[in-house]
Amino acid sequence: MNRNTALLNGAILWATTLALSSWLLASGVSGAFGVAASNAGAVINQVQQPGGASLPQNVPQLTPEQARDIASATSKALWWFVLGSLLGLAAALMGAALGVRSPRTNGYHHT
């Protein structure tokens, strides 16, 4: 295997790992929402019964400053994600380049 093939294998490994990790994270988040949604029916039934849970009448509103703070924090988190992904790519490529074997040479020559 030459160095270019090793670098390609490292990039493929990085992309596969990133895609698999993203899928697992998304599945976990959607699974958590699925559990919440399945339990929502029981909560609604409890609320409809007399003496059940009471819902708050005033829903908190976001101020424009709070919305900017949330957007800023989300932006920073996404930049850190990009930086971490690029560091992971660099590590995968470096490992692939260092792990490639040099081709074997024979010790005798015909003269």
Protein backbone atom coordinates (compact mmCIF):
# COMPACT_ATOMS: atom_id res chain seq x y z
CA MET A 1 0.00 0.00 0.00
CA ASN A 2 1.45 3.37 -0.91
CA ARG A 3 1.10 6.62 1.04
CA ASN A 4 -1.71 8.05 -1.11
CA THR A 5 -3.82 4.93 -0.64
CA ALA A 6 -3.19 5.05 3.10
CA LEU A 7 -4.30 8.71 3.23
CA LEU A 8 -7.44 7.83 1.28
CA ASN A 9 -8.17 4.99 3.73
CA GLY A 10 -7.67 7.39 6.65
CA ALA A 11 -10.08 9.93 5.13
CA ILE A 12 -12.67 7.21 4.50
CA LEU A 13 -12.32 5.98 8.08
CA TRP A 14 -12.79 9.55 9.39
CA ALA A 15 -15.87 10.17 7.21
CA THR A 16 -17.42 6.84 8.18
CA THR A 17 -16.83 7.50 11.87
CA LEU A 18 -18.27 11.01 11.61
CA ALA A 19 -21.36 9.78 9.77
CA LEU A 20 -21.91 6.88 12.18
CA SER A 21 -21.47 9.10 15.23
CA SER A 22 -23.89 11.67 13.82
CA TRP A 23 -26.45 8.96 13.11
CA LEU A 24 -26.12 7.52 16.62
CA LEU A 25 -26.48 10.97 18.16
CA ALA A 26 -29.53 11.76 16.03
CA SER A 27 -31.07 8.38 16.87
CA GLY A 28 -30.55 8.96 20.56
CA VAL A 29 -32.10 12.42 20.40
CA SER A 30 -35.04 11.21 18.33
CA GLY A 31 -35.39 8.26 20.71
CA ALA A 32 -35.59 10.63 23.65
CA PHE A 33 -38.25 12.67 21.84
CA GLY A 34 -40.07 9.45 20.99
CA VAL A 35 -40.20 8.49 24.68
CA ALA A 36 -41.44 11.97 25.55
CA ALA A 37 -44.08 11.81 22.81
CA SER A 38 -45.29 8.38 23.89
CA ASN A 39 -45.68 9.61 27.47
CA ALA A 40 -47.46 12.78 26.33
CA GLY A 41 -50.72 10.86 25.94
CA ALA A 42 -50.67 9.81 29.59
CA VAL A 43 -49.94 13.38 30.67
CA ILE A 44 -52.81 14.74 28.57
CA ASN A 45 -55.20 12.18 30.05
CA GLN A 46 -54.08 13.15 33.56
CA VAL A 47 -54.54 16.85 32.81
CA GLN A 48 -58.07 16.31 31.51
CA GLN A 49 -59.16 14.57 34.70
CA PRO A 50 -60.56 16.74 37.50
CA GLY A 51 -57.85 17.49 40.04
CA GLY A 52 -55.13 16.56 37.54
CA ALA A 53 -51.97 18.51 36.84
CA SER A 54 -52.32 22.22 36.27
CA LEU A 55 -50.72 23.90 33.30
CA PRO A 56 -48.98 27.25 33.71
CA GLN A 57 -50.94 30.15 32.28
CA ASN A 58 -47.96 32.33 31.46
CA VAL A 59 -45.45 30.92 29.01
CA PRO A 60 -42.01 32.56 29.30
CA GLN A 61 -41.11 34.77 26.35
CA LEU A 62 -37.60 35.26 25.03
CA THR A 63 -36.24 38.75 24.79
CA PRO A 64 -34.23 39.71 21.70
CA GLU A 65 -31.08 39.76 23.84
CA GLN A 66 -31.71 36.20 25.04
CA ALA A 67 -32.33 35.07 21.45
CA ARG A 68 -29.00 36.63 20.40
CA ASP A 69 -27.25 34.89 23.31
CA ILE A 70 -28.72 31.53 22.26
CA ALA A 71 -27.73 32.12 18.63
CA SER A 72 -24.21 33.10 19.71
CA ALA A 73 -23.82 29.99 21.87
CA THR A 74 -25.10 27.77 19.05
CA SER A 75 -22.68 29.38 16.61
CA LYS A 76 -19.75 28.83 18.97
CA ALA A 77 -20.76 25.20 19.51
CA LEU A 78 -20.92 24.59 15.76
CA TRP A 79 -17.48 26.16 15.23
CA TRP A 80 -16.05 23.92 17.96
CA PHE A 81 -17.69 20.93 16.24
CA VAL A 82 -16.05 21.89 12.93
CA LEU A 83 -12.68 22.37 14.63
CA GLY A 84 -12.97 19.02 16.41
CA SER A 85 -13.95 17.30 13.16
CA LEU A 86 -10.95 18.77 11.35
CA LEU A 87 -8.67 17.69 14.19
CA GLY A 88 -10.13 14.19 13.89
CA LEU A 89 -9.44 14.25 10.15
CA ALA A 90 -5.86 15.39 10.75
CA ALA A 91 -5.36 12.61 13.30
CA ALA A 92 -6.79 9.98 10.95
CA LEU A 93 -4.58 11.14 8.09
CA MET A 94 -1.50 11.32 10.30
CA GLY A 95 -2.13 7.83 11.65
CA ALA A 96 -2.62 6.49 8.14
CA ALA A 97 0.57 8.14 6.90
CA LEU A 98 2.63 6.88 9.83
CA GLY A 99 1.19 3.38 9.64
CA VAL A 100 1.92 2.76 5.97
CA ARG A 101 4.63 0.17 5.39
CA SER A 102 7.45 0.69 2.98
CA PRO A 103 7.72 -1.96 0.28
CA ARG A 104 10.15 -4.80 0.92
CA THR A 105 13.35 -4.96 -1.06
CA ASN A 106 15.32 -8.08 -1.84
CA GLY A 107 18.85 -8.30 -0.48
CA TYR A 108 20.59 -9.74 -3.54
CA HIS A 109 21.22 -8.26 -6.99
CA HIS A 110 21.94 -9.96 -10.28
CA THR A 111 25.19 -8.83 -11.83
